[in-house]
């Protein structure tokens, strides 16, 4: 029997202390789609002129980068 596996990516809101690991953003996806999704995200970053290997933030983005996130 094949069991479908899932991956949960989270972005923690607090890095230390009592509320460490309170997660407020995330993505839940099928593990079988992980490579395809990563490829599409990297291609979109390249299309926008961004470094495909650098992290993009969920919050506290600068005004000059807001259009990338909207796109």
Protein backbone atom coordinates (compact mmCIF):
# COMPACT_ATOMS: atom_id res chain seq x y z
CA UNK A 1 0.00 0.00 0.00
CA UNK A 2 1.34 3.43 -0.96
CA UNK A 3 0.99 6.05 1.73
CA UNK A 4 0.81 9.69 0.62
CA UNK A 5 3.28 11.84 2.53
CA UNK A 6 2.92 15.55 3.16
CA UNK A 7 5.39 18.31 4.02
CA UNK A 8 4.63 21.31 6.21
CA UNK A 9 6.86 24.37 5.84
CA UNK A 10 6.48 26.92 8.63
CA UNK A 11 7.81 30.36 9.37
CA UNK A 12 8.24 31.02 13.06
CA UNK A 13 7.14 34.34 14.42
CA UNK A 14 9.29 34.24 17.55
CA UNK A 15 12.84 32.92 17.55
CA UNK A 16 13.46 32.56 21.32
CA UNK A 17 11.70 32.41 24.64
CA UNK A 18 8.44 31.07 25.99
CA UNK A 19 6.55 31.39 22.69
CA UNK A 20 9.30 30.01 20.45
CA UNK A 21 7.88 28.04 17.55
CA UNK A 22 4.57 29.90 17.37
CA UNK A 23 4.00 29.51 13.65
CA UNK A 24 1.91 32.04 11.76
CA UNK A 25 2.70 31.25 8.15
CA UNK A 26 3.17 28.03 6.31
CA UNK A 27 2.52 25.81 3.32
CA UNK A 28 1.19 22.25 3.39
CA UNK A 29 1.89 20.19 0.28
CA UNK A 30 2.21 16.69 -1.08
CA UNK A 31 5.77 15.45 -0.83
CA UNK A 32 5.49 14.08 -4.38
CA UNK A 33 5.07 17.67 -5.66
CA UNK A 34 7.96 19.18 -3.68
CA UNK A 35 10.53 19.15 -6.51
CA UNK A 36 8.07 20.58 -9.03
CA UNK A 37 6.98 23.36 -6.65
CA UNK A 38 10.59 24.27 -5.77
CA UNK A 39 11.47 24.44 -9.47
CA UNK A 40 8.51 26.72 -10.24
CA UNK A 41 9.36 29.03 -7.34
CA UNK A 42 13.00 29.28 -8.46
CA UNK A 43 11.91 29.98 -12.05
CA UNK A 44 9.62 32.77 -10.85
CA UNK A 45 12.41 34.34 -8.78
CA UNK A 46 14.70 34.26 -11.83
CA UNK A 47 11.95 35.83 -13.96
CA UNK A 48 11.67 38.64 -11.41
CA UNK A 49 15.45 39.13 -11.32
CA UNK A 50 15.84 37.80 -7.78
CA UNK A 51 18.44 35.36 -6.49
CA UNK A 52 16.69 31.96 -6.65
CA UNK A 53 18.70 30.61 -3.71
CA UNK A 54 17.89 33.43 -1.25
CA UNK A 55 15.01 33.31 1.19
CA UNK A 56 12.04 35.62 0.69
CA UNK A 57 10.43 36.95 3.87
CA UNK A 58 6.76 36.61 4.77
CA UNK A 59 6.65 39.92 6.64
CA UNK A 60 8.64 43.10 7.14
CA UNK A 61 9.35 43.53 3.45
CA UNK A 62 10.70 46.80 2.15
CA UNK A 63 8.68 49.16 -0.01
CA UNK A 64 11.10 48.72 -2.89
CA UNK A 65 10.56 44.92 -2.88
CA UNK A 66 6.77 44.94 -2.34
CA UNK A 67 6.02 44.53 -6.04
CA UNK A 68 7.94 41.22 -6.09
CA UNK A 69 5.69 39.85 -3.38
CA UNK A 70 2.56 41.13 -5.09
CA UNK A 71 3.69 39.54 -8.35
